[in-house]
Protein backbone atom coordinates (compact mmCIF):
# COMPACT_ATOMS: atom_id res chain seq x y z
CA MET A 1 34.07 6.95 -14.60
CA VAL A 2 32.46 10.20 -16.36
CA ARG A 3 28.96 8.71 -16.19
CA PHE A 4 29.01 8.74 -12.67
CA HIS A 5 29.91 12.42 -12.79
CA LYS A 6 27.35 13.48 -15.09
CA LEU A 7 24.70 11.13 -12.48
CA ALA A 8 26.59 13.15 -9.54
CA LEU A 9 25.83 16.49 -10.97
CA GLY A 10 22.77 15.90 -11.80
CA ALA A 11 21.68 14.83 -8.51
CA ALA A 12 23.37 18.02 -7.29
CA PHE A 13 21.62 20.09 -9.32
CA VAL A 14 18.04 18.80 -8.28
CA ALA A 15 18.91 19.04 -4.73
CA ALA A 16 19.84 22.98 -5.36
CA LEU A 17 17.46 23.37 -7.41
CA SER A 18 14.48 21.68 -4.23
CA LEU A 19 15.83 24.38 -2.25
CA VAL A 20 15.31 27.33 -4.01
CA PRO A 21 12.22 29.16 -3.26
CA SER A 22 10.41 30.86 -5.85
CA SER A 23 7.08 32.87 -6.78
CA TYR A 24 5.36 29.48 -6.97
CA GLY A 25 6.57 28.41 -3.58
CA THR A 26 9.57 26.08 -3.42
CA VAL A 27 10.82 24.10 -6.67
CA GLY A 28 11.09 20.23 -5.96
CA PHE A 29 9.99 17.22 -6.62
CA ALA A 30 7.94 16.93 -2.93
CA HIS A 31 7.18 19.18 -0.48
CA ALA A 32 4.46 17.82 2.01
CA VAL A 33 2.47 19.98 4.00
CA GLU A 34 1.83 18.96 7.50
CA MET A 35 -2.45 18.59 7.56
CA THR A 36 -4.54 19.75 10.41
CA ASP A 37 -5.93 17.32 12.76
CA ASP A 38 -9.55 18.16 11.20
CA GLU A 39 -7.80 17.53 7.45
CA LYS A 40 -6.46 13.95 9.07
CA ALA A 41 -9.80 13.08 10.60
CA ALA A 42 -11.48 13.98 7.35
CA GLU A 43 -9.60 12.03 4.90
CA GLU A 44 -10.08 9.23 7.37
CA ALA A 45 -13.79 9.34 7.52
CA ALA A 46 -13.84 9.84 3.62
CA ALA A 47 -11.75 6.82 3.60
CA ASN A 48 -13.82 4.47 5.86
CA ALA A 49 -17.04 5.65 4.19
CA ALA A 50 -15.50 4.04 0.75
CA ALA A 51 -14.28 1.20 2.50
CA GLU A 52 -17.69 0.51 3.91
CA GLU A 53 -19.28 1.24 0.55
CA MET A 54 -17.00 -1.04 -1.43
CA ILE A 55 -18.04 -3.85 1.15
CA SER A 56 -21.75 -3.33 0.90
CA GLU A 57 -21.70 -3.16 -2.55
CA ALA A 58 -19.97 -6.56 -2.82
CA ALA A 59 -21.78 -9.48 -3.87
CA PRO A 60 -21.46 -12.73 -1.41
CA TYR A 61 -19.38 -15.37 -2.46
CA ALA A 62 -21.85 -17.94 -4.31
CA PRO A 63 -19.93 -21.10 -5.94
CA PRO A 64 -19.81 -22.24 -9.18
CA GLU A 65 -22.23 -24.12 -10.89
CA GLY A 66 -21.81 -28.07 -10.62
CA SER A 67 -19.26 -27.99 -8.16
CA ASP A 68 -18.68 -29.90 -5.44
CA SER A 69 -18.30 -29.52 -1.98
CA PHE A 70 -16.45 -31.27 0.46
CA GLN A 71 -16.49 -31.26 3.83
CA TYR A 72 -12.80 -30.79 5.81
CA GLU A 73 -11.73 -33.66 7.69
CA ALA A 74 -8.40 -34.30 9.43
CA GLU A 75 -7.25 -35.49 12.81
CA VAL A 76 -4.88 -32.91 14.52
CA HIS A 77 -2.59 -35.67 15.85
CA LYS A 78 -1.87 -36.64 12.16
CA MET A 79 -1.56 -33.59 10.61
CA LEU A 80 0.83 -32.27 13.70
CA ASP A 81 3.19 -35.67 13.06
CA ILE A 82 3.41 -34.49 9.16
CA VAL A 83 4.44 -31.46 10.23
CA ILE A 84 6.87 -32.43 12.94
CA ASN A 85 8.35 -34.92 10.74
CA SER A 86 8.33 -32.42 7.73
CA LEU A 87 11.09 -30.05 9.99
């Protein structure tokens, strides 16, 4: 029970501390600053450009040497029967 009281007191202290203004702005763990539409657009454009660059630099898939390739052959009716009967 004493441990809970210490935890509750610590949480109350942190909550109070996060509301106290200081010369450095508000002191606390996280205070989000609202982004403008221009900043959001610039961040999204930068993320899209980075993603496109990573995709363009990626090498196409090549199977390992000595591997066998098999064609997929299945009858849809048999597969559906297996799925339905497994339920």
